[in-house]
Amino acid sequence: MRKDKLVVLFGAGSLGKLAFFALKERGINANYFCDNDSKKQHKLYCRVPVIPPNELAKISRDAHVFICNNYMDAVSDFLEQ
């Protein structure tokens, strides 16, 4: 994985936290969490900003996005748009 690209974890919950620490252990830092829950957006989770999905496209189309929730099909469809 190229370290010059942004890393986004889609899902600011327990799976996202697990991915965050697994990546961190390998020297890879997450730049953002992304979550559909408006109560989590524009806050920090694991000291990382949580953005809403509509801001994801504004960041970078080349970002590494890890889906960290149980809604993989819905998130995959959204990301393909």
PDB file of N, CA and C in Angstrom:
ATOM      1  N   MET A   1       0.845  -1.174   0.000  1.00  0.00           N
ATOM      2  CA  MET A   1       0.000   0.000   0.000  1.00  0.00           C
ATOM      3  C   MET A   1       0.889   1.236   0.000  1.00  0.00           C
ATOM      4  N   ARG A   2       0.561   2.174  -0.863  1.00  0.00           N
ATOM      5  CA  ARG A   2       1.339   3.406  -0.955  1.00  0.00           C
ATOM      6  C   ARG A   2       1.020   4.320   0.215  1.00  0.00           C
ATOM      7  N   LYS A   3       2.060   4.756   0.885  1.00  0.00           N
ATOM      8  CA  LYS A   3       1.861   5.594   2.077  1.00  0.00           C
ATOM      9  C   LYS A   3       1.591   7.055   1.729  1.00  0.00           C
ATOM     10  N   ASP A   4       1.715   7.426   0.444  1.00  0.00           N
ATOM     11  CA  ASP A   4       1.441   8.804   0.067  1.00  0.00           C
ATOM     12  C   ASP A   4      -0.050   9.031  -0.190  1.00  0.00           C
ATOM     13  N   LYS A   5      -0.851   7.976  -0.141  1.00  0.00           N
ATOM     14  CA  LYS A   5      -2.291   8.114  -0.332  1.00  0.00           C
ATOM     15  C   LYS A   5      -2.989   8.178   1.021  1.00  0.00           C
ATOM     16  N   LEU A   6      -4.118   8.869   1.048  1.00  0.00           N
ATOM     17  CA  LEU A   6      -4.902   8.965   2.274  1.00  0.00           C
ATOM     18  C   LEU A   6      -5.534   7.627   2.617  1.00  0.00           C
ATOM     19  N   VAL A   7      -5.705   7.387   3.895  1.00  0.00           N
ATOM     20  CA  VAL A   7      -6.353   6.176   4.381  1.00  0.00           C
ATOM     21  C   VAL A   7      -7.637   6.577   5.102  1.00  0.00           C
ATOM     22  N   VAL A   8      -8.741   5.997   4.657  1.00  0.00           N
ATOM     23  CA  VAL A   8     -10.048   6.289   5.244  1.00  0.00           C
ATOM     24  C   VAL A   8     -10.663   4.978   5.721  1.00  0.00           C
ATOM     25  N   LEU A   9     -11.131   4.973   6.948  1.00  0.00           N
ATOM     26  CA  LEU A   9     -11.821   3.820   7.507  1.00  0.00           C
ATOM     27  C   LEU A   9     -13.311   4.133   7.515  1.00  0.00           C
ATOM     28  N   PHE A  10     -14.083   3.410   6.705  1.00  0.00           N
ATOM     29  CA  PHE A  10     -15.516   3.673   6.586  1.00  0.00           C
ATOM     30  C   PHE A  10     -16.236   2.873   7.650  1.00  0.00           C
ATOM     31  N   GLY A  11     -16.548   3.539   8.739  1.00  0.00           N
ATOM     32  CA  GLY A  11     -17.211   2.920   9.878  1.00  0.00           C
ATOM     33  C   GLY A  11     -16.494   3.303  11.154  1.00  0.00           C
ATOM     34  N   ALA A  12     -17.095   4.192  11.932  1.00  0.00           N
ATOM     35  CA  ALA A  12     -16.501   4.648  13.193  1.00  0.00           C
ATOM     36  C   ALA A  12     -17.142   3.893  14.346  1.00  0.00           C
ATOM     37  N   GLY A  13     -16.932   2.591  14.339  1.00  0.00           N
ATOM     38  CA  GLY A  13     -17.458   1.730  15.391  1.00  0.00           C
ATOM     39  C   GLY A  13     -16.390   0.731  15.795  1.00  0.00           C
ATOM     40  N   SER A  14     -16.822  -0.381  16.352  1.00  0.00           N
ATOM     41  CA  SER A  14     -15.861  -1.359  16.870  1.00  0.00           C
ATOM     42  C   SER A  14     -14.977  -1.961  15.774  1.00  0.00           C
ATOM     43  N   LEU A  15     -15.532  -2.230  14.593  1.00  0.00           N
ATOM     44  CA  LEU A  15     -14.705  -2.763  13.502  1.00  0.00           C
ATOM     45  C   LEU A  15     -13.721  -1.707  13.001  1.00  0.00           C
ATOM     46  N   GLY A  16     -14.156  -0.465  12.967  1.00  0.00           N
ATOM     47  CA  GLY A  16     -13.260   0.619  12.570  1.00  0.00           C
ATOM     48  C   GLY A  16     -12.109   0.773  13.548  1.00  0.00           C
ATOM     49  N   LYS A  17     -12.414   0.671  14.829  1.00  0.00           N
ATOM     50  CA  LYS A  17     -11.375   0.772  15.852  1.00  0.00           C
ATOM     51  C   LYS A  17     -10.380  -0.384  15.728  1.00  0.00           C
ATOM     52  N   LEU A  18     -10.886  -1.579  15.473  1.00  0.00           N
ATOM     53  CA  LEU A  18     -10.022  -2.735  15.281  1.00  0.00           C
ATOM     54  C   LEU A  18      -9.097  -2.529  14.078  1.00  0.00           C
ATOM     55  N   ALA A  19      -9.651  -2.046  12.972  1.00  0.00           N
ATOM     56  CA  ALA A  19      -8.840  -1.771  11.771  1.00  0.00           C
ATOM     57  C   ALA A  19      -7.825  -0.671  12.045  1.00  0.00           C
ATOM     58  N   PHE A  20      -8.242   0.361  12.775  1.00  0.00           N
ATOM     59  CA  PHE A  20      -7.358   1.475  13.103  1.00  0.00           C
ATOM     60  C   PHE A  20      -6.101   0.978  13.822  1.00  0.00           C
ATOM     61  N   PHE A  21      -6.302   0.157  14.858  1.00  0.00           N
ATOM     62  CA  PHE A  21      -5.148  -0.322  15.619  1.00  0.00           C
ATOM     63  C   PHE A  21      -4.334  -1.359  14.852  1.00  0.00           C
ATOM     64  N   ALA A  22      -4.983  -2.173  14.027  1.00  0.00           N
ATOM     65  CA  ALA A  22      -4.246  -3.150  13.210  1.00  0.00           C
ATOM     66  C   ALA A  22      -3.356  -2.428  12.195  1.00  0.00           C
ATOM     67  N   LEU A  23      -3.888  -1.387  11.558  1.00  0.00           N
ATOM     68  CA  LEU A  23      -3.082  -0.612  10.606  1.00  0.00           C
ATOM     69  C   LEU A  23      -1.965   0.137  11.326  1.00  0.00           C
ATOM     70  N   LYS A  24      -2.299   0.727  12.460  1.00  0.00           N
ATOM     71  CA  LYS A  24      -1.305   1.488  13.220  1.00  0.00           C
ATOM     72  C   LYS A  24      -0.140   0.596  13.631  1.00  0.00           C
ATOM     73  N   GLU A  25      -0.439  -0.646  13.990  1.00  0.00           N
ATOM     74  CA  GLU A  25       0.599  -1.592  14.377  1.00  0.00           C
ATOM     75  C   GLU A  25       1.571  -1.865  13.215  1.00  0.00           C
ATOM     76  N   ARG A  26       1.083  -1.672  12.009  1.00  0.00           N
ATOM     77  CA  ARG A  26       1.907  -1.879  10.811  1.00  0.00           C
ATOM     78  C   ARG A  26       2.477  -0.568  10.265  1.00  0.00           C
ATOM     79  N   GLY A  27       2.367   0.486  11.054  1.00  0.00           N
ATOM     80  CA  GLY A  27       2.934   1.764  10.655  1.00  0.00           C
ATOM     81  C   GLY A  27       2.088   2.556   9.676  1.00  0.00           C
ATOM     82  N   ILE A  28       0.805   2.217   9.571  1.00  0.00           N
ATOM     83  CA  ILE A  28      -0.096   2.909   8.650  1.00  0.00           C
ATOM     84  C   ILE A  28      -1.091   3.714   9.468  1.00  0.00           C
ATOM     85  N   ASN A  29      -1.118   5.013   9.238  1.00  0.00           N
ATOM     86  CA  ASN A  29      -2.009   5.900   9.981  1.00  0.00           C
ATOM     87  C   ASN A  29      -3.264   6.200   9.182  1.00  0.00           C
ATOM     88  N   ALA A  30      -4.401   6.139   9.847  1.00  0.00           N
ATOM     89  CA  ALA A  30      -5.666   6.529   9.224  1.00  0.00           C
ATOM     90  C   ALA A  30      -5.770   8.052   9.256  1.00  0.00           C
ATOM     91  N   ASN A  31      -6.165   8.621   8.128  1.00  0.00           N
ATOM     92  CA  ASN A  31      -6.346  10.071   8.048  1.00  0.00           C
ATOM     93  C   ASN A  31      -7.754  10.485   8.450  1.00  0.00           C
ATOM     94  N   TYR A  32      -8.729   9.619   8.164  1.00  0.00           N
ATOM     95  CA  TYR A  32     -10.132   9.917   8.451  1.00  0.00           C
ATOM     96  C   TYR A  32     -10.893   8.635   8.751  1.00  0.00           C
ATOM     97  N   PHE A  33     -11.941   8.788   9.550  1.00  0.00           N
ATOM     98  CA  PHE A  33     -13.017   7.826   9.622  1.00  0.00           C
ATOM     99  C   PHE A  33     -14.153   8.450   8.826  1.00  0.00           C
ATOM    100  N   CYS A  34     -14.995   7.630   8.247  1.00  0.00           N
ATOM    101  CA  CYS A  34     -16.184   8.106   7.546  1.00  0.00           C
ATOM    102  C   CYS A  34     -17.355   7.315   8.113  1.00  0.00           C
ATOM    103  N   ASP A  35     -18.467   8.003   8.398  1.00  0.00           N
ATOM    104  CA  ASP A  35     -19.603   7.303   8.992  1.00  0.00           C
ATOM    105  C   ASP A  35     -20.905   7.983   8.604  1.00  0.00           C
ATOM    106  N   ASN A  36     -21.951   7.176   8.409  1.00  0.00           N
ATOM    107  CA  ASN A  36     -23.278   7.693   8.065  1.00  0.00           C
ATOM    108  C   ASN A  36     -24.013   8.284   9.268  1.00  0.00           C
ATOM    109  N   ASP A  37     -23.584   7.952  10.458  1.00  0.00           N
ATOM    110  CA  ASP A  37     -24.250   8.404  11.680  1.00  0.00           C
ATOM    111  C   ASP A  37     -23.898   9.870  11.951  1.00  0.00           C
ATOM    112  N   SER A  38     -24.885  10.735  11.841  1.00  0.00           N
ATOM    113  CA  SER A  38     -24.642  12.171  12.021  1.00  0.00           C
ATOM    114  C   SER A  38     -24.151  12.509  13.430  1.00  0.00           C
ATOM    115  N   LYS A  39     -24.424  11.648  14.409  1.00  0.00           N
ATOM    116  CA  LYS A  39     -23.954  11.891  15.775  1.00  0.00           C
ATOM    117  C   LYS A  39     -22.445  11.696  15.907  1.00  0.00           C
ATOM    118  N   LYS A  40     -21.849  10.962  14.978  1.00  0.00           N
ATOM    119  CA  LYS A  40     -20.404  10.715  15.008  1.00  0.00           C
ATOM    120  C   LYS A  40     -19.628  11.687  14.124  1.00  0.00           C
ATOM    121  N   GLN A  41     -20.303  12.275  13.163  1.00  0.00           N
ATOM    122  CA  GLN A  41     -19.648  13.148  12.188  1.00  0.00           C
ATOM    123  C   GLN A  41     -19.148  14.444  12.816  1.00  0.00           C
ATOM    124  N   HIS A  42     -18.047  14.940  12.263  1.00  0.00           N
ATOM    125  CA  HIS A  42     -17.419  16.194  12.697  1.00  0.00           C
ATOM    126  C   HIS A  42     -16.929  16.127  14.142  1.00  0.00           C
ATOM    127  N   LYS A  43     -16.609  14.915  14.573  1.00  0.00           N
ATOM    128  CA  LYS A  43     -16.005  14.689  15.883  1.00  0.00           C
ATOM    129  C   LYS A  43     -14.755  13.855  15.671  1.00  0.00           C
ATOM    130  N   LEU A  44     -14.056  13.547  16.748  1.00  0.00           N
ATOM    131  CA  LEU A  44     -12.882  12.684  16.664  1.00  0.00           C
ATOM    132  C   LEU A  44     -13.228  11.296  17.181  1.00  0.00           C
ATOM    133  N   TYR A  45     -12.677  10.293  16.532  1.00  0.00           N
ATOM    134  CA  TYR A  45     -12.795   8.909  16.971  1.00  0.00           C
ATOM    135  C   TYR A  45     -11.385   8.339  16.910  1.00  0.00           C
ATOM    136  N   CYS A  46     -10.887   7.865  18.003  1.00  0.00           N
ATOM    137  CA  CYS A  46      -9.484   7.421  18.094  1.00  0.00           C
ATOM    138  C   CYS A  46      -8.544   8.559  17.687  1.00  0.00           C
ATOM    139  N   ARG A  47      -8.944   9.778  18.024  1.00  0.00           N
ATOM    140  CA  ARG A  47      -8.174  10.993  17.715  1.00  0.00           C
ATOM    141  C   ARG A  47      -8.064  11.275  16.212  1.00  0.00           C
ATOM    142  N   VAL A  48      -9.008  10.751  15.435  1.00  0.00           N
ATOM    143  CA  VAL A  48      -9.038  10.926  13.985  1.00  0.00           C
ATOM    144  C   VAL A  48     -10.378  11.561  13.618  1.00  0.00           C
ATOM    145  N   PRO A  49     -10.380  12.551  12.720  1.00  0.00           N
ATOM    146  CA  PRO A  49     -11.642  13.194  12.333  1.00  0.00           C
ATOM    147  C   PRO A  49     -12.610  12.215  11.667  1.00  0.00           C
ATOM    148  N   VAL A  50     -13.899  12.363  12.000  1.00  0.00           N
ATOM    149  CA  VAL A  50     -14.956  11.573  11.368  1.00  0.00           C
ATOM    150  C   VAL A  50     -15.695  12.485  10.402  1.00  0.00           C
ATOM    151  N   ILE A  51     -15.733  12.072   9.136  1.00  0.00           N
ATOM    152  CA  ILE A  51     -16.394  12.867   8.101  1.00  0.00           C
ATOM    153  C   ILE A  51     -17.647  12.149   7.613  1.00  0.00           C
ATOM    154  N   PRO A  52     -18.614  12.917   7.098  1.00  0.00           N
ATOM    155  CA  PRO A  52     -19.793  12.282   6.500  1.00  0.00           C
ATOM    156  C   PRO A  52     -19.440  11.751   5.101  1.00  0.00           C
ATOM    157  N   PRO A  53     -20.209  10.799   4.597  1.00  0.00           N
ATOM    158  CA  PRO A  53     -19.912  10.220   3.294  1.00  0.00           C
ATOM    159  C   PRO A  53     -19.826  11.226   2.147  1.00  0.00           C
ATOM    160  N   ASN A  54     -20.648  12.283   2.185  1.00  0.00           N
ATOM    161  CA  ASN A  54     -20.604  13.239   1.078  1.00  0.00           C
ATOM    162  C   ASN A  54     -19.290  14.010   1.014  1.00  0.00           C
ATOM    163  N   GLU A  55     -18.531  14.043   2.090  1.00  0.00           N
ATOM    164  CA  GLU A  55     -17.227  14.708   2.071  1.00  0.00           C
ATOM    165  C   GLU A  55     -16.119  13.789   1.570  1.00  0.00           C
ATOM    166  N   LEU A  56     -16.405  12.512   1.513  1.00  0.00           N
ATOM    167  CA  LEU A  56     -15.394  11.550   1.087  1.00  0.00           C
ATOM    168  C   LEU A  56     -14.926  11.821  -0.340  1.00  0.00           C
ATOM    169  N   ALA A  57     -15.839  12.129  -1.226  1.00  0.00           N
ATOM    170  CA  ALA A  57     -15.478  12.395  -2.624  1.00  0.00           C
ATOM    171  C   ALA A  57     -14.642  13.659  -2.768  1.00  0.00           C
ATOM    172  N   LYS A  58     -14.772  14.577  -1.834  1.00  0.00           N
ATOM    173  CA  LYS A  58     -14.014  15.821  -1.892  1.00  0.00           C
ATOM    174  C   LYS A  58     -12.554  15.632  -1.491  1.00  0.00           C
ATOM    175  N   ILE A  59     -12.263  14.560  -0.784  1.00  0.00           N
ATOM    176  CA  ILE A  59     -10.915  14.347  -0.263  1.00  0.00           C
ATOM    177  C   ILE A  59      -9.971  13.882  -1.355  1.00  0.00           C
ATOM    178  N   SER A  60     -10.216  12.690  -1.888  1.00  0.00           N
ATOM    179  CA  SER A  60      -9.335  12.143  -2.921  1.00  0.00           C
ATOM    180  C   SER A  60      -9.958  10.874  -3.469  1.00  0.00           C
ATOM    181  N   ARG A  61     -10.004  10.787  -4.775  1.00  0.00           N
ATOM    182  CA  ARG A  61     -10.525   9.564  -5.393  1.00  0.00           C
ATOM    183  C   ARG A  61      -9.492   8.440  -5.324  1.00  0.00           C
ATOM    184  N   ASP A  62      -8.267   8.775  -4.970  1.00  0.00           N
ATOM    185  CA  ASP A  62      -7.200   7.786  -4.890  1.00  0.00           C
ATOM    186  C   ASP A  62      -6.958   7.279  -3.471  1.00  0.00           C
ATOM    187  N   ALA A  63      -7.795   7.671  -2.536  1.00  0.00           N
ATOM    188  CA  ALA A  63      -7.604   7.265  -1.138  1.00  0.00           C
ATOM    189  C   ALA A  63      -7.823   5.761  -0.989  1.00  0.00           C
ATOM    190  N   HIS A  64      -7.135   5.178  -0.036  1.00  0.00           N
ATOM    191  CA  HIS A  64      -7.383   3.792   0.345  1.00  0.00           C
ATOM    192  C   HIS A  64      -8.560   3.816   1.309  1.00  0.00           C
ATOM    193  N   VAL A  65      -9.674   3.194   0.937  1.00  0.00           N
ATOM    194  CA  VAL A  65     -10.865   3.171   1.781  1.00  0.00           C
ATOM    195  C   VAL A  65     -11.094   1.740   2.251  1.00  0.00           C
ATOM    196  N   PHE A  66     -11.096   1.553   3.563  1.00  0.00           N
ATOM    197  CA  PHE A  66     -11.344   0.255   4.166  1.00  0.00           C
ATOM    198  C   PHE A  66     -12.764   0.263   4.723  1.00  0.00           C
ATOM    199  N   ILE A  67     -13.582  -0.677   4.299  1.00  0.00           N
ATOM    200  CA  ILE A  67     -14.952  -0.767   4.800  1.00  0.00           C
ATOM    201  C   ILE A  67     -14.926  -1.540   6.112  1.00  0.00           C
ATOM    202  N   CYS A  68     -15.302  -0.850   7.174  1.00  0.00           N
ATOM    203  CA  CYS A  68     -15.195  -1.407   8.532  1.00  0.00           C
ATOM    204  C   CYS A  68     -16.556  -1.450   9.208  1.00  0.00           C
ATOM    205  N   ASN A  69     -17.519  -2.043   8.535  1.00  0.00           N
ATOM    206  CA  ASN A  69     -18.847  -2.197   9.127  1.00  0.00           C
ATOM    207  C   ASN A  69     -19.540  -3.407   8.509  1.00  0.00           C
ATOM    208  N   ASN A  70     -20.752  -3.654   8.913  1.00  0.00           N
ATOM    209  CA  ASN A  70     -21.504  -4.813   8.427  1.00  0.00           C
ATOM    210  C   ASN A  70     -22.375  -4.498   7.218  1.00  0.00           C
ATOM    211  N   TYR A  71     -22.161  -3.356   6.599  1.00  0.00           N
ATOM    212  CA  TYR A  71     -22.990  -2.925   5.475  1.00  0.00           C
ATOM    213  C   TYR A  71     -22.149  -2.814   4.214  1.00  0.00           C
ATOM    214  N   MET A  72     -21.350  -3.826   3.958  1.00  0.00           N
ATOM    215  CA  MET A  72     -20.383  -3.775   2.862  1.00  0.00           C
ATOM    216  C   MET A  72     -21.043  -3.519   1.503  1.00  0.00           C
ATOM    217  N   ASP A  73     -22.142  -4.174   1.222  1.00  0.00           N
ATOM    218  CA  ASP A  73     -22.792  -3.983  -0.087  1.00  0.00           C
ATOM    219  C   ASP A  73     -23.253  -2.545  -0.277  1.00  0.00           C
ATOM    220  N   ALA A  74     -23.887  -1.981   0.736  1.00  0.00           N
ATOM    221  CA  ALA A  74     -24.378  -0.602   0.632  1.00  0.00           C
ATOM    222  C   ALA A  74     -23.231   0.380   0.496  1.00  0.00           C
ATOM    223  N   VAL A  75     -22.182   0.185   1.277  1.00  0.00           N
ATOM    224  CA  VAL A  75     -21.026   1.083   1.213  1.00  0.00           C
ATOM    225  C   VAL A  75     -20.316   0.922  -0.121  1.00  0.00           C
ATOM    226  N   SER A  76     -20.157  -0.300  -0.596  1.00  0.00           N
ATOM    227  CA  SER A  76     -19.503  -0.535  -1.885  1.00  0.00           C
ATOM    228  C   SER A  76     -20.256   0.176  -3.000  1.00  0.00           C
ATOM    229  N   ASP A  77     -21.584   0.062  -2.988  1.00  0.00           N
ATOM    230  CA  ASP A  77     -22.392   0.758  -4.007  1.00  0.00           C
ATOM    231  C   ASP A  77     -22.184   2.259  -3.938  1.00  0.00           C
ATOM    232  N   PHE A  78     -22.150   2.798  -2.732  1.00  0.00           N
ATOM    233  CA  PHE A  78     -21.935   4.239  -2.559  1.00  0.00           C
ATOM    234  C   PHE A  78     -20.560   4.652  -3.098  1.00  0.00           C
ATOM    235  N   LEU A  79     -19.537   3.879  -2.785  1.00  0.00           N
ATOM    236  CA  LEU A  79     -18.179   4.225  -3.195  1.00  0.00           C
ATOM    237  C   LEU A  79     -17.980   4.143  -4.707  1.00  0.00           C
ATOM    238  N   GLU A  80     -18.720   3.277  -5.362  1.00  0.00           N
ATOM    239  CA  GLU A  80     -18.610   3.144  -6.807  1.00  0.00           C
ATOM    240  C   GLU A  80     -19.212   4.314  -7.545  1.00  0.00           C
ATOM    241  N   GLN A  81     -20.061   5.082  -6.904  1.00  0.00           N
ATOM    242  CA  GLN A  81     -20.710   6.235  -7.560  1.00  0.00           C
ATOM    243  C   GLN A  81     -19.747   7.359  -7.801  1.00  0.00           C
TER     244      GLN A  81
END
